Amino acid sequence: MESMKENELEVLDQYNIEVKSTRKIRGAIVCETSQGTFLLKEMNFSEKLKAARKKAKLSQEELAQRAGISTRTLQNYELGKRY
């Protein structure tokens, strides 16, 4: 189960789903389980950044200010234009 992240395992545990095997293919994880086959999408940096910002309930302007960068730079990070 090395390819599955801890939070993904927590979701499966929450629904009492037994994972039989996993494999990575083209930016996703195919997960064979007791309830059938699941496809879990892997997130890239820009998707993770945006999700974390939204989870923290911050606007792009607020996060950019806290990070000491411009709002435009943060927008580019979230769009995957700059790393």
PDB file of N, CA and C in Angstrom:
ATOM      1  N   MET A   1       0.815  -1.199   0.000  1.00  0.00           N
ATOM      2  CA  MET A   1       0.000   0.000   0.000  1.00  0.00           C
ATOM      3  C   MET A   1       0.857   1.262   0.000  1.00  0.00           C
ATOM      4  N   GLU A   2       2.096   1.174  -0.370  1.00  0.00           N
ATOM      5  CA  GLU A   2       2.995   2.316  -0.315  1.00  0.00           C
ATOM      6  C   GLU A   2       2.511   3.487  -1.162  1.00  0.00           C
ATOM      7  N   SER A   3       1.797   3.214  -2.249  1.00  0.00           N
ATOM      8  CA  SER A   3       1.388   4.290  -3.140  1.00  0.00           C
ATOM      9  C   SER A   3       0.168   5.063  -2.632  1.00  0.00           C
ATOM     10  N   MET A   4      -0.500   4.576  -1.613  1.00  0.00           N
ATOM     11  CA  MET A   4      -1.665   5.277  -1.089  1.00  0.00           C
ATOM     12  C   MET A   4      -1.265   6.173   0.069  1.00  0.00           C
ATOM     13  N   LYS A   5      -1.740   7.384   0.025  1.00  0.00           N
ATOM     14  CA  LYS A   5      -1.447   8.336   1.096  1.00  0.00           C
ATOM     15  C   LYS A   5      -2.343   8.050   2.299  1.00  0.00           C
ATOM     16  N   GLU A   6      -1.894   8.517   3.443  1.00  0.00           N
ATOM     17  CA  GLU A   6      -2.593   8.242   4.697  1.00  0.00           C
ATOM     18  C   GLU A   6      -4.049   8.700   4.659  1.00  0.00           C
ATOM     19  N   ASN A   7      -4.306   9.897   4.122  1.00  0.00           N
ATOM     20  CA  ASN A   7      -5.687  10.399   4.105  1.00  0.00           C
ATOM     21  C   ASN A   7      -6.585   9.562   3.199  1.00  0.00           C
ATOM     22  N   GLU A   8      -6.018   8.988   2.122  1.00  0.00           N
ATOM     23  CA  GLU A   8      -6.810   8.120   1.258  1.00  0.00           C
ATOM     24  C   GLU A   8      -7.191   6.844   2.000  1.00  0.00           C
ATOM     25  N   LEU A   9      -6.258   6.315   2.776  1.00  0.00           N
ATOM     26  CA  LEU A   9      -6.548   5.117   3.568  1.00  0.00           C
ATOM     27  C   LEU A   9      -7.606   5.402   4.627  1.00  0.00           C
ATOM     28  N   GLU A  10      -7.576   6.606   5.209  1.00  0.00           N
ATOM     29  CA  GLU A  10      -8.575   6.975   6.213  1.00  0.00           C
ATOM     30  C   GLU A  10      -9.974   6.976   5.612  1.00  0.00           C
ATOM     31  N   VAL A  11     -10.087   7.474   4.379  1.00  0.00           N
ATOM     32  CA  VAL A  11     -11.391   7.492   3.711  1.00  0.00           C
ATOM     33  C   VAL A  11     -11.884   6.071   3.501  1.00  0.00           C
ATOM     34  N   LEU A  12     -11.008   5.193   3.020  1.00  0.00           N
ATOM     35  CA  LEU A  12     -11.402   3.804   2.802  1.00  0.00           C
ATOM     36  C   LEU A  12     -11.785   3.132   4.114  1.00  0.00           C
ATOM     37  N   ASP A  13     -11.019   3.406   5.183  1.00  0.00           N
ATOM     38  CA  ASP A  13     -11.338   2.839   6.494  1.00  0.00           C
ATOM     39  C   ASP A  13     -12.691   3.334   7.000  1.00  0.00           C
ATOM     40  N   GLN A  14     -12.977   4.605   6.744  1.00  0.00           N
ATOM     41  CA  GLN A  14     -14.233   5.205   7.199  1.00  0.00           C
ATOM     42  C   GLN A  14     -15.437   4.444   6.638  1.00  0.00           C
ATOM     43  N   TYR A  15     -15.314   3.946   5.431  1.00  0.00           N
ATOM     44  CA  TYR A  15     -16.416   3.231   4.797  1.00  0.00           C
ATOM     45  C   TYR A  15     -16.250   1.712   4.882  1.00  0.00           C
ATOM     46  N   ASN A  16     -15.321   1.265   5.730  1.00  0.00           N
ATOM     47  CA  ASN A  16     -15.093  -0.161   5.959  1.00  0.00           C
ATOM     48  C   ASN A  16     -14.807  -0.904   4.663  1.00  0.00           C
ATOM     49  N   ILE A  17     -13.863  -0.376   3.880  1.00  0.00           N
ATOM     50  CA  ILE A  17     -13.487  -0.976   2.605  1.00  0.00           C
ATOM     51  C   ILE A  17     -12.100  -1.593   2.753  1.00  0.00           C
ATOM     52  N   GLU A  18     -11.984  -2.878   2.448  1.00  0.00           N
ATOM     53  CA  GLU A  18     -10.704  -3.581   2.528  1.00  0.00           C
ATOM     54  C   GLU A  18      -9.958  -3.427   1.203  1.00  0.00           C
ATOM     55  N   VAL A  19      -8.739  -2.930   1.266  1.00  0.00           N
ATOM     56  CA  VAL A  19      -7.921  -2.757   0.071  1.00  0.00           C
ATOM     57  C   VAL A  19      -7.170  -4.054  -0.194  1.00  0.00           C
ATOM     58  N   LYS A  20      -7.350  -4.603  -1.393  1.00  0.00           N
ATOM     59  CA  LYS A  20      -6.687  -5.855  -1.765  1.00  0.00           C
ATOM     60  C   LYS A  20      -5.377  -5.598  -2.496  1.00  0.00           C
ATOM     61  N   SER A  21      -5.357  -4.584  -3.379  1.00  0.00           N
ATOM     62  CA  SER A  21      -4.132  -4.239  -4.103  1.00  0.00           C
ATOM     63  C   SER A  21      -4.257  -2.834  -4.676  1.00  0.00           C
ATOM     64  N   THR A  22      -3.105  -2.233  -4.957  1.00  0.00           N
ATOM     65  CA  THR A  22      -3.076  -0.908  -5.583  1.00  0.00           C
ATOM     66  C   THR A  22      -1.986  -0.900  -6.645  1.00  0.00           C
ATOM     67  N   ARG A  23      -2.178  -0.026  -7.645  1.00  0.00           N
ATOM     68  CA  ARG A  23      -1.136   0.197  -8.650  1.00  0.00           C
ATOM     69  C   ARG A  23      -1.307   1.594  -9.224  1.00  0.00           C
ATOM     70  N   LYS A  24      -0.202   2.192  -9.618  1.00  0.00           N
ATOM     71  CA  LYS A  24      -0.229   3.537 -10.186  1.00  0.00           C
ATOM     72  C   LYS A  24      -0.280   3.456 -11.706  1.00  0.00           C
ATOM     73  N   ILE A  25      -1.147   4.284 -12.290  1.00  0.00           N
ATOM     74  CA  ILE A  25      -1.192   4.411 -13.741  1.00  0.00           C
ATOM     75  C   ILE A  25      -1.525   5.849 -14.107  1.00  0.00           C
ATOM     76  N   ARG A  26      -0.751   6.456 -14.935  1.00  0.00           N
ATOM     77  CA  ARG A  26      -1.013   7.784 -15.512  1.00  0.00           C
ATOM     78  C   ARG A  26      -1.625   8.798 -14.556  1.00  0.00           C
ATOM     79  N   GLY A  27      -0.949   9.067 -13.455  1.00  0.00           N
ATOM     80  CA  GLY A  27      -1.409  10.093 -12.534  1.00  0.00           C
ATOM     81  C   GLY A  27      -2.564   9.698 -11.639  1.00  0.00           C
ATOM     82  N   ALA A  28      -2.825   8.406 -11.539  1.00  0.00           N
ATOM     83  CA  ALA A  28      -3.914   7.937 -10.684  1.00  0.00           C
ATOM     84  C   ALA A  28      -3.488   6.639 -10.005  1.00  0.00           C
ATOM     85  N   ILE A  29      -4.249   6.255  -9.015  1.00  0.00           N
ATOM     86  CA  ILE A  29      -4.019   4.991  -8.326  1.00  0.00           C
ATOM     87  C   ILE A  29      -5.254   4.127  -8.526  1.00  0.00           C
ATOM     88  N   VAL A  30      -5.068   2.938  -9.067  1.00  0.00           N
ATOM     89  CA  VAL A  30      -6.147   1.970  -9.213  1.00  0.00           C
ATOM     90  C   VAL A  30      -6.125   1.117  -7.956  1.00  0.00           C
ATOM     91  N   CYS A  31      -7.238   1.046  -7.307  1.00  0.00           N
ATOM     92  CA  CYS A  31      -7.337   0.386  -6.009  1.00  0.00           C
ATOM     93  C   CYS A  31      -8.388  -0.725  -6.085  1.00  0.00           C
ATOM     94  N   GLU A  32      -7.926  -1.976  -6.008  1.00  0.00           N
ATOM     95  CA  GLU A  32      -8.836  -3.118  -5.980  1.00  0.00           C
ATOM     96  C   GLU A  32      -9.259  -3.322  -4.528  1.00  0.00           C
ATOM     97  N   THR A  33     -10.561  -3.316  -4.277  1.00  0.00           N
ATOM     98  CA  THR A  33     -11.063  -3.400  -2.904  1.00  0.00           C
ATOM     99  C   THR A  33     -12.150  -4.444  -2.774  1.00  0.00           C
ATOM    100  N   SER A  34     -12.582  -4.634  -1.544  1.00  0.00           N
ATOM    101  CA  SER A  34     -13.690  -5.550  -1.265  1.00  0.00           C
ATOM    102  C   SER A  34     -15.007  -5.044  -1.867  1.00  0.00           C
ATOM    103  N   GLN A  35     -15.063  -3.769  -2.209  1.00  0.00           N
ATOM    104  CA  GLN A  35     -16.283  -3.169  -2.767  1.00  0.00           C
ATOM    105  C   GLN A  35     -16.173  -2.903  -4.264  1.00  0.00           C
ATOM    106  N   GLY A  36     -15.095  -3.371  -4.901  1.00  0.00           N
ATOM    107  CA  GLY A  36     -14.900  -3.149  -6.327  1.00  0.00           C
ATOM    108  C   GLY A  36     -13.621  -2.362  -6.585  1.00  0.00           C
ATOM    109  N   THR A  37     -13.522  -1.816  -7.767  1.00  0.00           N
ATOM    110  CA  THR A  37     -12.326  -1.074  -8.182  1.00  0.00           C
ATOM    111  C   THR A  37     -12.576   0.421  -8.067  1.00  0.00           C
ATOM    112  N   PHE A  38     -11.624   1.109  -7.445  1.00  0.00           N
ATOM    113  CA  PHE A  38     -11.692   2.559  -7.307  1.00  0.00           C
ATOM    114  C   PHE A  38     -10.530   3.181  -8.051  1.00  0.00           C
ATOM    115  N   LEU A  39     -10.750   4.348  -8.609  1.00  0.00           N
ATOM    116  CA  LEU A  39      -9.699   5.116  -9.255  1.00  0.00           C
ATOM    117  C   LEU A  39      -9.500   6.383  -8.439  1.00  0.00           C
ATOM    118  N   LEU A  40      -8.331   6.532  -7.837  1.00  0.00           N
ATOM    119  CA  LEU A  40      -8.023   7.696  -7.003  1.00  0.00           C
ATOM    120  C   LEU A  40      -7.072   8.595  -7.762  1.00  0.00           C
ATOM    121  N   LYS A  41      -7.477   9.808  -8.010  1.00  0.00           N
ATOM    122  CA  LYS A  41      -6.657  10.762  -8.749  1.00  0.00           C
ATOM    123  C   LYS A  41      -5.568  11.329  -7.854  1.00  0.00           C
ATOM    124  N   GLU A  42      -4.340  11.343  -8.363  1.00  0.00           N
ATOM    125  CA  GLU A  42      -3.263  11.994  -7.634  1.00  0.00           C
ATOM    126  C   GLU A  42      -3.316  13.491  -7.940  1.00  0.00           C
ATOM    127  N   MET A  43      -3.025  14.291  -6.938  1.00  0.00           N
ATOM    128  CA  MET A  43      -3.048  15.740  -7.113  1.00  0.00           C
ATOM    129  C   MET A  43      -1.631  16.255  -7.322  1.00  0.00           C
ATOM    130  N   ASN A  44      -1.497  17.206  -8.226  1.00  0.00           N
ATOM    131  CA  ASN A  44      -0.193  17.839  -8.393  1.00  0.00           C
ATOM    132  C   ASN A  44      -0.079  19.012  -7.416  1.00  0.00           C
ATOM    133  N   PHE A  45       1.070  19.665  -7.409  1.00  0.00           N
ATOM    134  CA  PHE A  45       1.314  20.737  -6.445  1.00  0.00           C
ATOM    135  C   PHE A  45       0.256  21.829  -6.529  1.00  0.00           C
ATOM    136  N   SER A  46      -0.081  22.264  -7.735  1.00  0.00           N
ATOM    137  CA  SER A  46      -1.035  23.372  -7.874  1.00  0.00           C
ATOM    138  C   SER A  46      -2.407  22.995  -7.310  1.00  0.00           C
ATOM    139  N   GLU A  47      -2.838  21.765  -7.531  1.00  0.00           N
ATOM    140  CA  GLU A  47      -4.127  21.313  -6.998  1.00  0.00           C
ATOM    141  C   GLU A  47      -4.092  21.221  -5.472  1.00  0.00           C
ATOM    142  N   LYS A  48      -2.970  20.720  -4.937  1.00  0.00           N
ATOM    143  CA  LYS A  48      -2.824  20.621  -3.480  1.00  0.00           C
ATOM    144  C   LYS A  48      -2.809  21.999  -2.835  1.00  0.00           C
ATOM    145  N   LEU A  49      -2.111  22.948  -3.458  1.00  0.00           N
ATOM    146  CA  LEU A  49      -2.033  24.306  -2.928  1.00  0.00           C
ATOM    147  C   LEU A  49      -3.420  24.938  -2.868  1.00  0.00           C
ATOM    148  N   LYS A  50      -4.151  24.830  -3.952  1.00  0.00           N
ATOM    149  CA  LYS A  50      -5.493  25.422  -4.006  1.00  0.00           C
ATOM    150  C   LYS A  50      -6.425  24.763  -2.991  1.00  0.00           C
ATOM    151  N   ALA A  51      -6.361  23.427  -2.890  1.00  0.00           N
ATOM    152  CA  ALA A  51      -7.209  22.711  -1.936  1.00  0.00           C
ATOM    153  C   ALA A  51      -6.875  23.108  -0.498  1.00  0.00           C
ATOM    154  N   ALA A  52      -5.585  23.247  -0.193  1.00  0.00           N
ATOM    155  CA  ALA A  52      -5.168  23.630   1.164  1.00  0.00           C
ATOM    156  C   ALA A  52      -5.622  25.057   1.478  1.00  0.00           C
ATOM    157  N   ARG A  53      -5.526  25.951   0.495  1.00  0.00           N
ATOM    158  CA  ARG A  53      -5.958  27.339   0.701  1.00  0.00           C
ATOM    159  C   ARG A  53      -7.454  27.385   0.981  1.00  0.00           C
ATOM    160  N   LYS A  54      -8.224  26.641   0.196  1.00  0.00           N
ATOM    161  CA  LYS A  54      -9.675  26.629   0.388  1.00  0.00           C
ATOM    162  C   LYS A  54     -10.058  25.986   1.718  1.00  0.00           C
ATOM    163  N   LYS A  55      -9.347  24.921   2.096  1.00  0.00           N
ATOM    164  CA  LYS A  55      -9.617  24.264   3.373  1.00  0.00           C
ATOM    165  C   LYS A  55      -9.369  25.224   4.532  1.00  0.00           C
ATOM    166  N   ALA A  56      -8.339  26.080   4.384  1.00  0.00           N
ATOM    167  CA  ALA A  56      -8.017  27.076   5.409  1.00  0.00           C
ATOM    168  C   ALA A  56      -8.942  28.294   5.326  1.00  0.00           C
ATOM    169  N   LYS A  57      -9.842  28.304   4.335  1.00  0.00           N
ATOM    170  CA  LYS A  57     -10.794  29.401   4.121  1.00  0.00           C
ATOM    171  C   LYS A  57     -10.088  30.743   3.930  1.00  0.00           C
ATOM    172  N   LEU A  58      -9.027  30.706   3.106  1.00  0.00           N
ATOM    173  CA  LEU A  58      -8.274  31.917   2.795  1.00  0.00           C
ATOM    174  C   LEU A  58      -8.508  32.293   1.337  1.00  0.00           C
ATOM    175  N   SER A  59      -8.570  33.575   1.078  1.00  0.00           N
ATOM    176  CA  SER A  59      -8.622  34.033  -0.307  1.00  0.00           C
ATOM    177  C   SER A  59      -7.210  33.986  -0.869  1.00  0.00           C
ATOM    178  N   GLN A  60      -7.095  34.108  -2.171  1.00  0.00           N
ATOM    179  CA  GLN A  60      -5.763  34.155  -2.774  1.00  0.00           C
ATOM    180  C   GLN A  60      -4.988  35.354  -2.240  1.00  0.00           C
ATOM    181  N   GLU A  61      -5.668  36.458  -2.055  1.00  0.00           N
ATOM    182  CA  GLU A  61      -5.012  37.665  -1.556  1.00  0.00           C
ATOM    183  C   GLU A  61      -4.470  37.457  -0.140  1.00  0.00           C
ATOM    184  N   GLU A  62      -5.281  36.819   0.717  1.00  0.00           N
ATOM    185  CA  GLU A  62      -4.851  36.579   2.100  1.00  0.00           C
ATOM    186  C   GLU A  62      -3.647  35.642   2.158  1.00  0.00           C
ATOM    187  N   LEU A  63      -3.696  34.554   1.404  1.00  0.00           N
ATOM    188  CA  LEU A  63      -2.581  33.611   1.425  1.00  0.00           C
ATOM    189  C   LEU A  63      -1.324  34.233   0.839  1.00  0.00           C
ATOM    190  N   ALA A  64      -1.468  34.971  -0.242  1.00  0.00           N
ATOM    191  CA  ALA A  64      -0.307  35.623  -0.855  1.00  0.00           C
ATOM    192  C   ALA A  64       0.347  36.583   0.126  1.00  0.00           C
ATOM    193  N   GLN A  65      -0.464  37.356   0.835  1.00  0.00           N
ATOM    194  CA  GLN A  65       0.068  38.297   1.816  1.00  0.00           C
ATOM    195  C   GLN A  65       0.811  37.554   2.921  1.00  0.00           C
ATOM    196  N   ARG A  66       0.225  36.469   3.429  1.00  0.00           N
ATOM    197  CA  ARG A  66       0.877  35.687   4.488  1.00  0.00           C
ATOM    198  C   ARG A  66       2.176  35.043   4.011  1.00  0.00           C
ATOM    199  N   ALA A  67       2.208  34.654   2.722  1.00  0.00           N
ATOM    200  CA  ALA A  67       3.394  34.002   2.163  1.00  0.00           C
ATOM    201  C   ALA A  67       4.448  34.999   1.690  1.00  0.00           C
ATOM    202  N   GLY A  68       4.076  36.259   1.650  1.00  0.00           N
ATOM    203  CA  GLY A  68       5.028  37.285   1.208  1.00  0.00           C
ATOM    204  C   GLY A  68       5.264  37.284  -0.290  1.00  0.00           C
ATOM    205  N   ILE A  69       4.227  36.908  -1.050  1.00  0.00           N
ATOM    206  CA  ILE A  69       4.316  36.914  -2.507  1.00  0.00           C
ATOM    207  C   ILE A  69       3.138  37.702  -3.066  1.00  0.00           C
ATOM    208  N   SER A  70       3.198  38.011  -4.332  1.00  0.00           N
ATOM    209  CA  SER A  70       2.089  38.742  -4.940  1.00  0.00           C
ATOM    210  C   SER A  70       0.922  37.792  -5.218  1.00  0.00           C
ATOM    211  N   THR A  71      -0.258  38.370  -5.319  1.00  0.00           N
ATOM    212  CA  THR A  71      -1.440  37.573  -5.638  1.00  0.00           C
ATOM    213  C   THR A  71      -1.276  36.925  -7.009  1.00  0.00           C
ATOM    214  N   ARG A  72      -0.706  37.646  -7.954  1.00  0.00           N
ATOM    215  CA  ARG A  72      -0.478  37.108  -9.306  1.00  0.00           C
ATOM    216  C   ARG A  72       0.431  35.871  -9.254  1.00  0.00           C
ATOM    217  N   THR A  73       1.476  35.908  -8.423  1.00  0.00           N
ATOM    218  CA  THR A  73       2.372  34.756  -8.292  1.00  0.00           C
ATOM    219  C   THR A  73       1.620  33.563  -7.732  1.00  0.00           C
ATOM    220  N   LEU A  74       0.795  33.782  -6.718  1.00  0.00           N
ATOM    221  CA  LEU A  74      -0.003  32.698  -6.148  1.00  0.00           C
ATOM    222  C   LEU A  74      -0.964  32.145  -7.188  1.00  0.00           C
ATOM    223  N   GLN A  75      -1.601  33.015  -7.941  1.00  0.00           N
ATOM    224  CA  GLN A  75      -2.512  32.566  -8.996  1.00  0.00           C
ATOM    225  C   GLN A  75      -1.776  31.684  -9.997  1.00  0.00           C
ATOM    226  N   ASN A  76      -0.552  32.086 -10.354  1.00  0.00           N
ATOM    227  CA  ASN A  76       0.241  31.284 -11.286  1.00  0.00           C
ATOM    228  C   ASN A  76       0.589  29.925 -10.685  1.00  0.00           C
ATOM    229  N   TYR A  77       0.916  29.886  -9.396  1.00  0.00           N
ATOM    230  CA  TYR A  77       1.179  28.609  -8.725  1.00  0.00           C
ATOM    231  C   TYR A  77      -0.054  27.714  -8.802  1.00  0.00           C
ATOM    232  N   GLU A  78      -1.215  28.275  -8.520  1.00  0.00           N
ATOM    233  CA  GLU A  78      -2.451  27.482  -8.516  1.00  0.00           C
ATOM    234  C   GLU A  78      -2.847  27.027  -9.919  1.00  0.00           C
ATOM    235  N   LEU A  79      -2.408  27.755 -10.921  1.00  0.00           N
ATOM    236  CA  LEU A  79      -2.685  27.363 -12.305  1.00  0.00           C
ATOM    237  C   LEU A  79      -1.624  26.433 -12.877  1.00  0.00           C
ATOM    238  N   GLY A  80      -0.579  26.182 -12.085  1.00  0.00           N
ATOM    239  CA  GLY A  80       0.496  25.304 -12.527  1.00  0.00           C
ATOM    240  C   GLY A  80       1.455  25.961 -13.493  1.00  0.00           C
ATOM    241  N   LYS A  81       1.472  27.289 -13.514  1.00  0.00           N
ATOM    242  CA  LYS A  81       2.345  28.008 -14.442  1.00  0.00           C
ATOM    243  C   LYS A  81       3.749  28.236 -13.897  1.00  0.00           C
ATOM    244  N   ARG A  82       3.895  28.197 -12.570  1.00  0.00           N
ATOM    245  CA  ARG A  82       5.199  28.447 -11.952  1.00  0.00           C
ATOM    246  C   ARG A  82       5.373  27.561 -10.745  1.00  0.00           C
ATOM    247  N   TYR A  83       6.613  27.129 -10.499  1.00  0.00           N
ATOM    248  CA  TYR A  83       6.943  26.410  -9.272  1.00  0.00           C
ATOM    249  C   TYR A  83       8.175  26.984  -8.739  1.00  0.00           C
TER     250      TYR A  83
END
